[in-house]
N, C-alpha and C. Protein backbone atom coordinates (compact mmCIF):
# COMPACT_ATOMS: atom_id res chain seq x y z
N MET A 1 63.62 -34.11 37.50
CA MET A 1 64.77 -33.39 36.99
C MET A 1 65.98 -34.31 37.02
N ARG A 2 66.70 -34.41 35.92
CA ARG A 2 67.88 -35.27 35.81
C ARG A 2 69.14 -34.48 36.13
N ASN A 3 70.06 -35.17 36.78
CA ASN A 3 71.36 -34.58 37.05
C ASN A 3 72.32 -35.03 35.95
N ASN A 4 72.66 -34.13 35.03
CA ASN A 4 73.53 -34.45 33.91
C ASN A 4 74.99 -34.18 34.20
N LYS A 5 75.32 -33.95 35.46
CA LYS A 5 76.70 -33.66 35.84
C LYS A 5 77.56 -34.90 35.68
N VAL A 6 78.69 -34.76 35.01
CA VAL A 6 79.63 -35.85 34.80
C VAL A 6 80.40 -36.09 36.10
N PRO A 7 80.48 -37.35 36.56
CA PRO A 7 81.26 -37.61 37.78
C PRO A 7 82.74 -37.33 37.54
N VAL A 8 83.41 -36.82 38.55
CA VAL A 8 84.82 -36.48 38.46
C VAL A 8 85.55 -37.10 39.64
N ALA A 9 86.67 -37.75 39.36
CA ALA A 9 87.55 -38.25 40.42
C ALA A 9 88.79 -37.36 40.41
N LYS A 10 89.25 -36.97 41.59
CA LYS A 10 90.39 -36.07 41.67
C LYS A 10 91.60 -36.77 42.26
N ILE A 11 92.75 -36.50 41.69
CA ILE A 11 94.03 -36.94 42.25
C ILE A 11 94.63 -35.73 42.94
N LEU A 12 94.97 -35.89 44.21
CA LEU A 12 95.46 -34.78 45.02
C LEU A 12 96.94 -34.95 45.34
N ASP A 13 97.60 -33.82 45.60
CA ASP A 13 98.99 -33.88 46.02
C ASP A 13 99.05 -34.03 47.54
N ALA A 14 100.24 -33.97 48.11
CA ALA A 14 100.42 -34.15 49.56
C ALA A 14 99.75 -33.05 50.38
N ASN A 15 99.48 -31.89 49.76
CA ASN A 15 98.83 -30.77 50.45
C ASN A 15 97.34 -30.68 50.13
N ASP A 16 96.78 -31.76 49.59
CA ASP A 16 95.37 -31.83 49.21
C ASP A 16 94.98 -30.82 48.13
N LYS A 17 95.93 -30.44 47.30
CA LYS A 17 95.65 -29.59 46.14
C LYS A 17 95.42 -30.48 44.93
N GLU A 18 94.49 -30.09 44.09
CA GLU A 18 94.14 -30.91 42.93
C GLU A 18 95.25 -30.93 41.88
N LEU A 19 95.71 -32.14 41.56
CA LEU A 19 96.67 -32.32 40.47
C LEU A 19 95.96 -32.63 39.17
N MET A 20 94.94 -33.50 39.26
CA MET A 20 94.23 -33.93 38.06
C MET A 20 92.78 -34.22 38.38
N ALA A 21 91.90 -33.80 37.49
CA ALA A 21 90.48 -34.15 37.56
C ALA A 21 90.23 -35.17 36.46
N ILE A 22 89.90 -36.39 36.85
CA ILE A 22 89.66 -37.46 35.89
C ILE A 22 88.19 -37.43 35.49
N ARG A 23 87.93 -37.32 34.20
CA ARG A 23 86.56 -37.23 33.70
C ARG A 23 86.12 -38.47 32.95
N GLY A 24 87.07 -39.34 32.63
CA GLY A 24 86.69 -40.56 31.93
C GLY A 24 87.80 -41.59 31.94
N ILE A 25 87.41 -42.86 32.06
CA ILE A 25 88.33 -43.98 31.99
C ILE A 25 87.71 -45.01 31.07
N SER A 26 88.48 -45.45 30.08
CA SER A 26 87.95 -46.43 29.14
C SER A 26 89.07 -47.31 28.62
N GLY A 27 88.68 -48.40 27.99
CA GLY A 27 89.64 -49.26 27.32
C GLY A 27 89.61 -48.98 25.84
N GLU A 28 90.76 -48.71 25.26
CA GLU A 28 90.85 -48.43 23.83
C GLU A 28 92.11 -49.08 23.26
N ASN A 29 91.94 -49.89 22.24
CA ASN A 29 93.06 -50.52 21.55
C ASN A 29 93.97 -51.29 22.50
N GLY A 30 93.40 -51.94 23.50
CA GLY A 30 94.17 -52.75 24.42
C GLY A 30 94.86 -51.97 25.53
N ASN A 31 94.60 -50.67 25.63
CA ASN A 31 95.19 -49.82 26.67
C ASN A 31 94.09 -49.24 27.56
N LEU A 32 94.46 -48.87 28.78
CA LEU A 32 93.55 -48.13 29.65
C LEU A 32 93.79 -46.66 29.36
N VAL A 33 92.73 -45.94 28.99
CA VAL A 33 92.85 -44.52 28.62
C VAL A 33 92.14 -43.69 29.68
N ILE A 34 92.86 -42.71 30.22
CA ILE A 34 92.34 -41.82 31.26
C ILE A 34 92.30 -40.41 30.68
N ARG A 35 91.11 -39.81 30.72
CA ARG A 35 90.94 -38.45 30.19
C ARG A 35 90.60 -37.51 31.34
N GLY A 36 91.18 -36.33 31.29
CA GLY A 36 90.91 -35.35 32.34
C GLY A 36 91.63 -34.05 32.10
N LYS A 37 91.78 -33.29 33.19
CA LYS A 37 92.49 -32.02 33.14
C LYS A 37 93.52 -31.99 34.26
N ILE A 38 94.70 -31.49 33.93
CA ILE A 38 95.75 -31.31 34.91
C ILE A 38 95.70 -29.87 35.42
N PHE A 39 95.81 -29.71 36.73
CA PHE A 39 95.79 -28.40 37.38
C PHE A 39 94.54 -27.59 37.02
N GLY A 40 93.45 -28.29 36.70
CA GLY A 40 92.19 -27.63 36.43
C GLY A 40 92.09 -26.93 35.09
N ALA A 41 93.14 -26.99 34.26
CA ALA A 41 93.11 -26.22 33.02
C ALA A 41 93.56 -26.98 31.79
N MET A 42 94.61 -27.77 31.89
CA MET A 42 95.22 -28.38 30.72
C MET A 42 94.63 -29.77 30.45
N PRO A 43 93.91 -29.94 29.33
CA PRO A 43 93.34 -31.25 29.00
C PRO A 43 94.46 -32.27 28.79
N MET A 44 94.19 -33.51 29.20
CA MET A 44 95.20 -34.55 29.07
C MET A 44 94.54 -35.89 28.79
N VAL A 45 95.22 -36.69 27.97
CA VAL A 45 94.83 -38.08 27.75
C VAL A 45 96.05 -38.92 28.11
N ALA A 46 95.90 -39.81 29.09
CA ALA A 46 96.99 -40.68 29.51
C ALA A 46 96.63 -42.11 29.14
N LYS A 47 97.63 -42.87 28.70
CA LYS A 47 97.41 -44.27 28.32
C LYS A 47 98.27 -45.17 29.17
N LEU A 48 97.67 -46.24 29.67
CA LEU A 48 98.38 -47.26 30.43
C LEU A 48 98.37 -48.54 29.61
N THR A 49 99.54 -48.96 29.17
CA THR A 49 99.65 -50.18 28.36
C THR A 49 99.65 -51.40 29.27
N PRO A 50 99.38 -52.58 28.74
CA PRO A 50 99.43 -53.79 29.56
C PRO A 50 100.79 -53.99 30.23
N ALA A 51 101.88 -53.72 29.52
CA ALA A 51 103.22 -53.88 30.11
C ALA A 51 103.43 -52.93 31.28
N GLU A 52 102.96 -51.70 31.16
CA GLU A 52 103.11 -50.73 32.24
C GLU A 52 102.19 -51.08 33.41
N ALA A 53 101.01 -51.64 33.13
CA ALA A 53 100.12 -52.08 34.21
C ALA A 53 100.76 -53.21 35.01
N ARG A 54 101.41 -54.14 34.32
CA ARG A 54 102.12 -55.23 35.02
C ARG A 54 103.26 -54.67 35.85
N ALA A 55 103.97 -53.69 35.32
CA ALA A 55 105.07 -53.06 36.06
C ALA A 55 104.53 -52.36 37.31
N ALA A 56 103.38 -51.71 37.20
CA ALA A 56 102.78 -51.03 38.35
C ALA A 56 102.36 -52.04 39.42
N LEU A 57 101.83 -53.17 39.01
CA LEU A 57 101.41 -54.19 39.98
C LEU A 57 102.61 -54.74 40.75
N LYS A 58 103.77 -54.77 40.13
CA LYS A 58 104.97 -55.24 40.83
C LYS A 58 105.41 -54.29 41.93
N LEU A 59 104.92 -53.06 41.90
CA LEU A 59 105.24 -52.08 42.95
C LEU A 59 104.45 -52.31 44.23
N LEU A 60 103.38 -53.10 44.14
CA LEU A 60 102.51 -53.33 45.28
C LEU A 60 103.03 -54.46 46.16
N ASP A 61 103.05 -54.21 47.45
CA ASP A 61 103.30 -55.31 48.38
C ASP A 61 101.94 -55.82 48.87
N PHE A 62 101.95 -56.89 49.66
CA PHE A 62 100.70 -57.51 50.09
C PHE A 62 99.85 -56.55 50.92
N ARG A 63 100.50 -55.79 51.80
CA ARG A 63 99.77 -54.85 52.66
C ARG A 63 99.05 -53.78 51.83
N THR A 64 99.74 -53.25 50.83
CA THR A 64 99.14 -52.23 49.97
C THR A 64 98.02 -52.83 49.13
N PHE A 65 98.19 -54.06 48.67
CA PHE A 65 97.14 -54.75 47.92
C PHE A 65 95.87 -54.87 48.78
N LEU A 66 96.02 -55.26 50.04
CA LEU A 66 94.86 -55.35 50.93
C LEU A 66 94.21 -53.98 51.15
N PHE A 67 95.04 -52.96 51.28
CA PHE A 67 94.52 -51.60 51.44
C PHE A 67 93.67 -51.21 50.22
N LEU A 68 94.16 -51.51 49.02
CA LEU A 68 93.41 -51.18 47.80
C LEU A 68 92.07 -51.91 47.74
N LEU A 69 92.06 -53.15 48.20
CA LEU A 69 90.80 -53.90 48.20
C LEU A 69 89.75 -53.27 49.10
N THR A 70 90.19 -52.66 50.21
CA THR A 70 89.24 -52.08 51.16
C THR A 70 89.01 -50.58 50.93
N LEU A 71 89.75 -49.96 50.04
CA LEU A 71 89.67 -48.51 49.83
C LEU A 71 88.26 -48.04 49.44
N LEU A 72 87.59 -48.78 48.60
CA LEU A 72 86.26 -48.37 48.14
C LEU A 72 85.22 -48.37 49.26
N PHE A 73 85.47 -49.08 50.33
CA PHE A 73 84.51 -49.20 51.41
C PHE A 73 84.81 -48.25 52.58
N ARG A 74 85.81 -47.42 52.43
CA ARG A 74 86.18 -46.47 53.49
C ARG A 74 85.51 -45.12 53.24
N LYS A 75 85.40 -44.33 54.32
CA LYS A 75 84.81 -42.99 54.20
C LYS A 75 85.86 -41.99 53.82
C-alpha cells in the first residue's frame, strides 16, 4: 500500500498556532515559489526573488547561520 499523502511543513506563531501550511516549494522563472495555505484556509503563492533572498541573508549573523546548519539534525 502506497502513502500518497503530500508532505506538509508548518510555520507556527509564538503560541505554536499554525500560520501557514507549506505544500510545495519550487524554482520558477528565477524565483523561489512557496505554495500553501494561510490559517488553514486561504490558498497562497509566495515568491522570493534573488534580491530579496540576498536581503534576507544579510539579516543572519554568524550564530544564527550555525543554528540553521544544525536545525535539520535536531529533534
